[in-house]
């Protein structure tokens, strides 16, 4: 029987260190765009669906508004997004890509391919791995909710 309290046997440690390795690969690519990784994720989500609310973006990215708001203010200051209060409900803030934010998508278009190449895995394997990690996240979230 393997030792359960051995660091190399922890799934959490493997995911944690893989995340750090991914961030190190992303960093020079994102530095060239002037974005941090969380800002990049926000932009990707807005490229997928422009005009969403801060709340819906926070849910998509698993970020609290206290973390998301300063990030969005920096994206707004950079000229990539605008934040507008909803006409229907002033408590709701709607995010819209600016023309510059839309143009940034073209500059970022090669990043996923660079990450895939750095992984040394083919598209099928990466898709399977991503699906397994999402399933793990969902199972862990469900376990938290059931306690």
N, C-alpha and C. Protein backbone atom coordinates (compact mmCIF):
# COMPACT_ATOMS: atom_id res chain seq x y z
N UNK A 1 0.84 -1.19 0.00
CA UNK A 1 0.00 0.00 0.00
C UNK A 1 0.89 1.24 0.00
N UNK A 2 0.53 2.22 -0.88
CA UNK A 2 1.36 3.41 -0.95
C UNK A 2 1.07 4.34 0.22
N UNK A 3 2.08 5.11 0.61
CA UNK A 3 1.97 6.04 1.73
C UNK A 3 1.04 7.19 1.34
N UNK A 4 -0.09 7.33 2.03
CA UNK A 4 -1.07 8.37 1.69
C UNK A 4 -0.57 9.77 2.01
N UNK A 5 0.37 9.89 2.93
CA UNK A 5 0.90 11.20 3.27
C UNK A 5 2.27 11.44 2.63
N UNK A 6 2.36 11.06 1.37
CA UNK A 6 3.55 11.34 0.59
C UNK A 6 3.15 12.39 -0.46
N UNK A 7 3.88 13.49 -0.50
CA UNK A 7 3.53 14.63 -1.36
C UNK A 7 3.31 14.22 -2.81
N UNK A 8 4.14 13.36 -3.33
CA UNK A 8 4.01 12.96 -4.73
C UNK A 8 2.74 12.16 -5.02
N UNK A 9 2.04 11.71 -3.98
CA UNK A 9 0.79 10.98 -4.16
C UNK A 9 -0.45 11.86 -4.06
N UNK A 10 -0.26 13.15 -3.79
CA UNK A 10 -1.39 14.08 -3.63
C UNK A 10 -1.85 14.60 -4.99
N UNK A 11 -3.10 14.36 -5.34
CA UNK A 11 -3.65 14.93 -6.57
C UNK A 11 -3.63 16.45 -6.50
N UNK A 12 -3.91 17.00 -5.31
CA UNK A 12 -3.92 18.46 -5.15
C UNK A 12 -2.55 19.06 -5.46
N UNK A 13 -1.48 18.38 -5.06
CA UNK A 13 -0.14 18.88 -5.32
C UNK A 13 0.18 18.82 -6.81
N UNK A 14 -0.24 17.75 -7.45
CA UNK A 14 -0.01 17.63 -8.90
C UNK A 14 -0.74 18.74 -9.66
N UNK A 15 -2.00 19.01 -9.29
CA UNK A 15 -2.78 20.07 -9.94
C UNK A 15 -2.17 21.44 -9.64
N UNK A 16 -1.79 21.65 -8.38
CA UNK A 16 -1.21 22.91 -7.94
C UNK A 16 0.08 23.22 -8.71
N UNK A 17 0.98 22.25 -8.78
CA UNK A 17 2.26 22.49 -9.46
C UNK A 17 2.08 22.57 -10.98
N UNK A 18 1.13 21.83 -11.53
CA UNK A 18 0.84 21.95 -12.97
C UNK A 18 0.30 23.34 -13.27
N UNK A 19 -0.52 23.87 -12.39
CA UNK A 19 -1.05 25.23 -12.56
C UNK A 19 0.09 26.26 -12.57
N UNK A 20 1.03 26.08 -11.65
CA UNK A 20 2.18 26.99 -11.63
C UNK A 20 3.00 26.89 -12.91
N UNK A 21 3.19 25.67 -13.39
CA UNK A 21 3.95 25.48 -14.63
C UNK A 21 3.22 26.12 -15.81
N UNK A 22 1.90 25.96 -15.86
CA UNK A 22 1.11 26.60 -16.92
C UNK A 22 1.25 28.12 -16.85
N UNK A 23 1.17 28.67 -15.65
CA UNK A 23 1.28 30.12 -15.51
C UNK A 23 2.65 30.63 -15.96
N UNK A 24 3.70 29.84 -15.74
CA UNK A 24 5.04 30.25 -16.19
C UNK A 24 5.13 30.24 -17.72
N UNK A 25 4.43 29.31 -18.36
CA UNK A 25 4.41 29.29 -19.83
C UNK A 25 3.57 30.46 -20.36
N UNK A 26 2.46 30.74 -19.71
CA UNK A 26 1.59 31.85 -20.13
C UNK A 26 2.26 33.21 -19.96
N UNK A 27 3.06 33.38 -18.91
CA UNK A 27 3.54 34.71 -18.53
C UNK A 27 4.19 35.51 -19.67
N UNK A 28 5.18 34.98 -20.37
CA UNK A 28 5.77 35.80 -21.44
C UNK A 28 4.79 36.09 -22.58
N UNK A 29 3.88 35.16 -22.84
CA UNK A 29 2.88 35.37 -23.89
C UNK A 29 1.92 36.50 -23.50
N UNK A 30 1.53 36.51 -22.23
CA UNK A 30 0.61 37.54 -21.76
C UNK A 30 1.32 38.87 -21.51
N UNK A 31 2.58 38.81 -21.09
CA UNK A 31 3.35 40.04 -20.92
C UNK A 31 3.40 40.82 -22.23
N UNK A 32 3.51 40.10 -23.34
CA UNK A 32 3.55 40.74 -24.66
C UNK A 32 2.25 41.48 -24.97
N UNK A 33 1.15 41.05 -24.33
CA UNK A 33 -0.15 41.71 -24.51
C UNK A 33 -0.44 42.72 -23.40
N UNK A 34 0.40 42.73 -22.37
CA UNK A 34 0.16 43.62 -21.24
C UNK A 34 -0.95 43.14 -20.33
N UNK A 35 -1.18 41.83 -20.29
CA UNK A 35 -2.25 41.25 -19.48
C UNK A 35 -1.70 40.32 -18.42
N UNK A 36 -2.37 40.26 -17.29
CA UNK A 36 -2.13 39.22 -16.31
C UNK A 36 -2.98 38.01 -16.70
N UNK A 37 -2.72 36.87 -16.08
CA UNK A 37 -3.52 35.68 -16.39
C UNK A 37 -5.00 35.89 -16.05
N UNK A 38 -5.36 36.42 -14.87
CA UNK A 38 -6.79 36.65 -14.61
C UNK A 38 -7.42 37.65 -15.60
N UNK A 39 -6.68 38.66 -16.01
CA UNK A 39 -7.21 39.60 -17.01
C UNK A 39 -7.44 38.89 -18.34
N UNK A 40 -6.51 38.02 -18.70
CA UNK A 40 -6.65 37.25 -19.94
C UNK A 40 -7.91 36.38 -19.88
N UNK A 41 -8.14 35.71 -18.76
CA UNK A 41 -9.34 34.89 -18.63
C UNK A 41 -10.60 35.73 -18.77
N UNK A 42 -10.60 36.92 -18.17
CA UNK A 42 -11.76 37.81 -18.30
C UNK A 42 -11.97 38.21 -19.76
N UNK A 43 -10.89 38.52 -20.45
CA UNK A 43 -11.01 38.90 -21.86
C UNK A 43 -11.52 37.73 -22.70
N UNK A 44 -11.00 36.54 -22.45
CA UNK A 44 -11.46 35.36 -23.20
C UNK A 44 -12.97 35.16 -22.99
N UNK A 45 -13.41 35.30 -21.74
CA UNK A 45 -14.84 35.15 -21.45
C UNK A 45 -15.66 36.23 -22.16
N UNK A 46 -15.13 37.43 -22.24
CA UNK A 46 -15.85 38.51 -22.94
C UNK A 46 -15.79 38.33 -24.46
N UNK A 47 -14.71 37.77 -24.97
CA UNK A 47 -14.67 37.47 -26.40
C UNK A 47 -15.70 36.41 -26.74
N UNK A 48 -15.94 35.49 -25.83
CA UNK A 48 -16.97 34.46 -26.03
C UNK A 48 -18.36 35.08 -26.02
N UNK A 49 -18.58 36.01 -25.08
CA UNK A 49 -19.92 36.62 -24.95
C UNK A 49 -19.76 38.04 -24.42
N UNK A 50 -19.79 38.98 -25.33
CA UNK A 50 -19.70 40.39 -24.99
C UNK A 50 -21.03 40.83 -24.35
N UNK A 51 -20.97 41.84 -23.52
CA UNK A 51 -22.19 42.40 -22.94
C UNK A 51 -22.70 41.66 -21.72
N UNK A 52 -21.88 40.85 -21.09
CA UNK A 52 -22.35 40.16 -19.89
C UNK A 52 -22.15 41.04 -18.65
N UNK A 53 -22.80 40.66 -17.60
CA UNK A 53 -22.71 41.42 -16.35
C UNK A 53 -21.46 41.01 -15.57
N UNK A 54 -21.07 41.90 -14.65
CA UNK A 54 -19.95 41.58 -13.77
C UNK A 54 -20.27 40.30 -12.99
N UNK A 55 -21.51 40.17 -12.53
CA UNK A 55 -21.92 38.98 -11.78
C UNK A 55 -21.78 37.70 -12.58
N UNK A 56 -22.23 37.72 -13.82
CA UNK A 56 -22.15 36.50 -14.64
C UNK A 56 -20.69 36.18 -14.98
N UNK A 57 -19.88 37.21 -15.19
CA UNK A 57 -18.46 36.97 -15.45
C UNK A 57 -17.78 36.38 -14.22
N UNK A 58 -18.12 36.89 -13.05
CA UNK A 58 -17.57 36.35 -11.81
C UNK A 58 -17.92 34.89 -11.62
N UNK A 59 -19.16 34.53 -11.93
CA UNK A 59 -19.58 33.12 -11.83
C UNK A 59 -18.79 32.26 -12.80
N UNK A 60 -18.63 32.74 -14.02
CA UNK A 60 -17.91 31.98 -15.05
C UNK A 60 -16.46 31.74 -14.66
N UNK A 61 -15.84 32.77 -14.05
CA UNK A 61 -14.41 32.69 -13.69
C UNK A 61 -14.17 32.21 -12.27
N UNK A 62 -15.25 31.95 -11.52
CA UNK A 62 -15.13 31.54 -10.11
C UNK A 62 -14.39 32.60 -9.30
N UNK A 63 -14.73 33.88 -9.54
CA UNK A 63 -14.10 35.00 -8.82
C UNK A 63 -15.16 35.81 -8.10
N UNK A 64 -14.81 36.27 -6.91
CA UNK A 64 -15.68 37.17 -6.14
C UNK A 64 -15.58 38.56 -6.75
N UNK A 65 -16.62 39.37 -6.56
CA UNK A 65 -16.61 40.72 -7.12
C UNK A 65 -15.49 41.56 -6.53
N UNK A 66 -15.08 41.28 -5.29
CA UNK A 66 -13.99 42.04 -4.67
C UNK A 66 -12.66 41.79 -5.39
N UNK A 67 -12.52 40.65 -6.04
CA UNK A 67 -11.34 40.35 -6.84
C UNK A 67 -11.53 40.82 -8.27
N UNK A 68 -12.73 40.65 -8.79
CA UNK A 68 -13.01 40.96 -10.19
C UNK A 68 -13.05 42.46 -10.47
N UNK A 69 -13.62 43.24 -9.57
CA UNK A 69 -13.79 44.68 -9.84
C UNK A 69 -12.47 45.39 -10.09
N UNK A 70 -11.44 45.22 -9.25
CA UNK A 70 -10.17 45.90 -9.56
C UNK A 70 -9.55 45.43 -10.89
N UNK A 71 -9.69 44.16 -11.19
CA UNK A 71 -9.20 43.60 -12.45
C UNK A 71 -9.90 44.28 -13.63
N UNK A 72 -11.21 44.44 -13.52
CA UNK A 72 -11.98 45.06 -14.60
C UNK A 72 -11.67 46.55 -14.72
N UNK A 73 -11.40 47.20 -13.61
CA UNK A 73 -11.01 48.62 -13.65
C UNK A 73 -9.70 48.79 -14.41
N UNK A 74 -8.76 47.84 -14.21
CA UNK A 74 -7.48 47.91 -14.94
C UNK A 74 -7.70 47.65 -16.44
N UNK A 75 -8.59 46.71 -16.78
CA UNK A 75 -8.90 46.47 -18.19
C UNK A 75 -9.59 47.69 -18.82
N UNK A 76 -10.41 48.36 -18.03
CA UNK A 76 -11.07 49.57 -18.52
C UNK A 76 -10.03 50.68 -18.73
N UNK A 77 -9.11 50.84 -17.77
CA UNK A 77 -8.07 51.86 -17.88
C UNK A 77 -7.16 51.60 -19.09
N UNK A 78 -6.97 50.32 -19.42
CA UNK A 78 -6.16 49.95 -20.58
C UNK A 78 -6.91 50.17 -21.89
N UNK A 79 -8.21 50.43 -21.80
CA UNK A 79 -9.00 50.70 -22.99
C UNK A 79 -9.61 49.48 -23.64
N UNK A 80 -9.66 48.34 -22.92
CA UNK A 80 -10.18 47.11 -23.50
C UNK A 80 -11.66 46.86 -23.24
N UNK A 81 -12.18 47.38 -22.14
CA UNK A 81 -13.59 47.18 -21.80
C UNK A 81 -14.19 48.49 -21.29
N UNK A 82 -15.50 48.55 -21.36
CA UNK A 82 -16.23 49.64 -20.70
C UNK A 82 -17.21 48.98 -19.73
N UNK A 83 -17.45 49.67 -18.64
CA UNK A 83 -18.40 49.20 -17.63
C UNK A 83 -19.53 50.21 -17.58
N UNK A 84 -20.76 49.72 -17.68
CA UNK A 84 -21.92 50.61 -17.68
C UNK A 84 -22.98 50.04 -16.74
N UNK A 85 -23.61 50.91 -16.03
CA UNK A 85 -24.73 50.49 -15.18
C UNK A 85 -25.91 50.12 -16.08
N UNK A 86 -26.60 49.06 -15.71
CA UNK A 86 -27.78 48.64 -16.46
C UNK A 86 -28.87 49.70 -16.32
N UNK A 87 -29.57 49.94 -17.40
CA UNK A 87 -30.69 50.89 -17.37
C UNK A 87 -31.87 50.32 -16.58
N UNK A 88 -31.98 48.99 -16.55
CA UNK A 88 -33.07 48.32 -15.84
C UNK A 88 -32.83 48.22 -14.34
N UNK A 89 -31.55 48.06 -13.96
CA UNK A 89 -31.22 47.87 -12.55
C UNK A 89 -29.83 48.46 -12.31
N UNK A 90 -29.76 49.58 -11.62
CA UNK A 90 -28.50 50.29 -11.43
C UNK A 90 -27.47 49.51 -10.63
N UNK A 91 -27.91 48.45 -9.93
CA UNK A 91 -26.96 47.62 -9.18
C UNK A 91 -26.16 46.72 -10.10
N UNK A 92 -26.63 46.53 -11.33
CA UNK A 92 -26.01 45.62 -12.28
C UNK A 92 -25.07 46.40 -13.20
N UNK A 93 -23.85 45.90 -13.34
CA UNK A 93 -22.86 46.51 -14.23
C UNK A 93 -22.65 45.59 -15.43
N UNK A 94 -22.80 46.17 -16.62
CA UNK A 94 -22.65 45.42 -17.87
C UNK A 94 -21.28 45.75 -18.46
N UNK A 95 -20.61 44.71 -18.94
CA UNK A 95 -19.27 44.84 -19.52
C UNK A 95 -19.37 44.75 -21.04
N UNK A 96 -18.70 45.68 -21.70
CA UNK A 96 -18.68 45.67 -23.16
C UNK A 96 -17.24 45.83 -23.63
N UNK A 97 -16.89 45.06 -24.63
CA UNK A 97 -15.58 45.19 -25.25
C UNK A 97 -15.52 46.48 -26.04
N UNK A 98 -14.40 47.17 -25.94
CA UNK A 98 -14.17 48.33 -26.80
C UNK A 98 -13.60 47.80 -28.12
N UNK A 99 -13.45 48.69 -29.09
CA UNK A 99 -12.83 48.28 -30.36
C UNK A 99 -11.42 47.75 -30.11
N UNK A 100 -10.70 48.40 -29.20
CA UNK A 100 -9.35 47.94 -28.86
C UNK A 100 -9.39 46.55 -28.21
N UNK A 101 -10.39 46.32 -27.36
CA UNK A 101 -10.55 45.01 -26.74
C UNK A 101 -10.87 43.93 -27.76
N UNK A 102 -11.64 44.29 -28.77
CA UNK A 102 -11.94 43.33 -29.84
C UNK A 102 -10.71 43.05 -30.68
N UNK A 103 -9.89 44.07 -30.93
CA UNK A 103 -8.65 43.88 -31.70
C UNK A 103 -7.64 43.02 -30.94
N UNK A 104 -7.66 43.11 -29.62
CA UNK A 104 -6.73 42.32 -28.81
C UNK A 104 -6.93 40.82 -29.03
N UNK A 105 -8.15 40.42 -29.37
CA UNK A 105 -8.43 39.00 -29.61
C UNK A 105 -7.53 38.45 -30.71
N UNK A 106 -7.33 39.22 -31.75
CA UNK A 106 -6.47 38.78 -32.86
C UNK A 106 -5.03 38.59 -32.38
N UNK A 107 -4.56 39.51 -31.55
CA UNK A 107 -3.19 39.41 -31.01
C UNK A 107 -3.03 38.20 -30.10
N UNK A 108 -4.11 37.81 -29.44
CA UNK A 108 -4.07 36.68 -28.49
C UNK A 108 -4.38 35.34 -29.15
N UNK A 109 -4.73 35.36 -30.41
CA UNK A 109 -5.24 34.14 -31.06
C UNK A 109 -4.24 32.98 -31.08
N UNK A 110 -2.96 33.25 -31.03
CA UNK A 110 -1.98 32.18 -31.08
C UNK A 110 -1.65 31.55 -29.73
N UNK A 111 -2.14 32.15 -28.65
CA UNK A 111 -1.77 31.66 -27.31
C UNK A 111 -2.21 30.22 -27.06
N UNK A 112 -3.45 29.83 -27.34
CA UNK A 112 -3.82 28.42 -27.08
C UNK A 112 -2.91 27.42 -27.79
N UNK A 113 -2.51 27.71 -29.01
CA UNK A 113 -1.62 26.82 -29.73
C UNK A 113 -0.24 26.73 -29.09
N UNK A 114 0.24 27.85 -28.56
CA UNK A 114 1.53 27.86 -27.86
C UNK A 114 1.47 27.00 -26.60
N UNK A 115 0.36 27.10 -25.89
CA UNK A 115 0.20 26.31 -24.66
C UNK A 115 0.11 24.83 -25.01
N UNK A 116 -0.67 24.51 -26.03
CA UNK A 116 -0.79 23.10 -26.46
C UNK A 116 0.57 22.55 -26.87
N UNK A 117 1.32 23.33 -27.63
CA UNK A 117 2.64 22.87 -28.07
C UNK A 117 3.57 22.65 -26.88
N UNK A 118 3.52 23.56 -25.91
CA UNK A 118 4.38 23.43 -24.72
C UNK A 118 4.03 22.19 -23.91
N UNK A 119 2.76 21.77 -23.98
CA UNK A 119 2.33 20.60 -23.20
C UNK A 119 2.88 19.30 -23.76
N UNK A 120 3.19 19.29 -25.06
CA UNK A 120 3.68 18.07 -25.69
C UNK A 120 2.60 17.02 -25.89
N UNK A 121 1.33 17.43 -25.77
CA UNK A 121 0.22 16.48 -25.90
C UNK A 121 -0.62 16.86 -27.12
N UNK A 122 -1.31 15.86 -27.67
CA UNK A 122 -2.16 16.15 -28.82
C UNK A 122 -3.51 16.69 -28.35
N UNK A 123 -4.30 17.19 -29.30
CA UNK A 123 -5.58 17.83 -28.98
C UNK A 123 -6.54 16.88 -28.28
N UNK A 124 -6.57 15.63 -28.70
CA UNK A 124 -7.48 14.65 -28.09
C UNK A 124 -7.11 14.43 -26.62
N UNK A 125 -5.83 14.28 -26.36
CA UNK A 125 -5.37 14.06 -24.99
C UNK A 125 -5.64 15.28 -24.12
N UNK A 126 -5.39 16.48 -24.66
CA UNK A 126 -5.65 17.71 -23.88
C UNK A 126 -7.14 17.88 -23.59
N UNK A 127 -7.99 17.55 -24.54
CA UNK A 127 -9.43 17.65 -24.33
C UNK A 127 -9.88 16.67 -23.25
N UNK A 128 -9.35 15.45 -23.28
CA UNK A 128 -9.67 14.45 -22.26
C UNK A 128 -9.21 14.92 -20.89
N UNK A 129 -7.99 15.43 -20.81
CA UNK A 129 -7.44 15.91 -19.54
C UNK A 129 -8.27 17.07 -18.99
N UNK A 130 -8.63 18.00 -19.85
CA UNK A 130 -9.45 19.15 -19.43
C UNK A 130 -10.80 18.67 -18.91
N UNK A 131 -11.41 17.70 -19.58
CA UNK A 131 -12.70 17.16 -19.14
C UNK A 131 -12.57 16.48 -17.78
N UNK A 132 -11.49 15.75 -17.57
CA UNK A 132 -11.29 15.08 -16.28
C UNK A 132 -11.08 16.09 -15.16
N UNK A 133 -10.35 17.16 -15.43
CA UNK A 133 -10.12 18.19 -14.40
C UNK A 133 -11.43 18.90 -14.06
N UNK A 134 -12.23 19.20 -15.07
CA UNK A 134 -13.54 19.83 -14.82
C UNK A 134 -14.42 18.89 -14.00
N UNK A 135 -14.42 17.61 -14.33
CA UNK A 135 -15.21 16.63 -13.57
C UNK A 135 -14.73 16.58 -12.12
N UNK A 136 -13.44 16.64 -11.91
CA UNK A 136 -12.89 16.66 -10.55
C UNK A 136 -13.36 17.90 -9.80
N UNK A 137 -13.27 19.06 -10.45
CA UNK A 137 -13.74 20.31 -9.83
C UNK A 137 -15.22 20.22 -9.47
N UNK A 138 -16.03 19.70 -10.37
CA UNK A 138 -17.47 19.59 -10.12
C UNK A 138 -17.76 18.63 -8.98
N UNK A 139 -17.05 17.52 -8.93
CA UNK A 139 -17.25 16.55 -7.84
C UNK A 139 -16.86 17.15 -6.50
N UNK A 140 -15.76 17.88 -6.47
CA UNK A 140 -15.32 18.52 -5.22
C UNK A 140 -16.30 19.60 -4.79
N UNK A 141 -16.81 20.37 -5.74
CA UNK A 141 -17.80 21.40 -5.42
C UNK A 141 -19.07 20.77 -4.88
N UNK A 142 -19.50 19.68 -5.50
CA UNK A 142 -20.70 18.96 -5.04
C UNK A 142 -20.48 18.42 -3.62
N UNK A 143 -19.29 17.90 -3.36
CA UNK A 143 -18.99 17.37 -2.02
C UNK A 143 -19.06 18.49 -0.98
N UNK A 144 -18.60 19.66 -1.33
CA UNK A 144 -18.69 20.80 -0.39
C UNK A 144 -20.13 21.19 -0.12
N UNK A 145 -20.93 21.18 -1.17
CA UNK A 145 -22.33 21.60 -1.03
C UNK A 145 -23.16 20.58 -0.24
N UNK A 146 -22.73 19.33 -0.26
CA UNK A 146 -23.51 18.29 0.42
C UNK A 146 -23.16 18.16 1.90
N UNK A 147 -22.17 18.90 2.36
CA UNK A 147 -21.78 18.84 3.78
C UNK A 147 -22.33 19.99 4.56
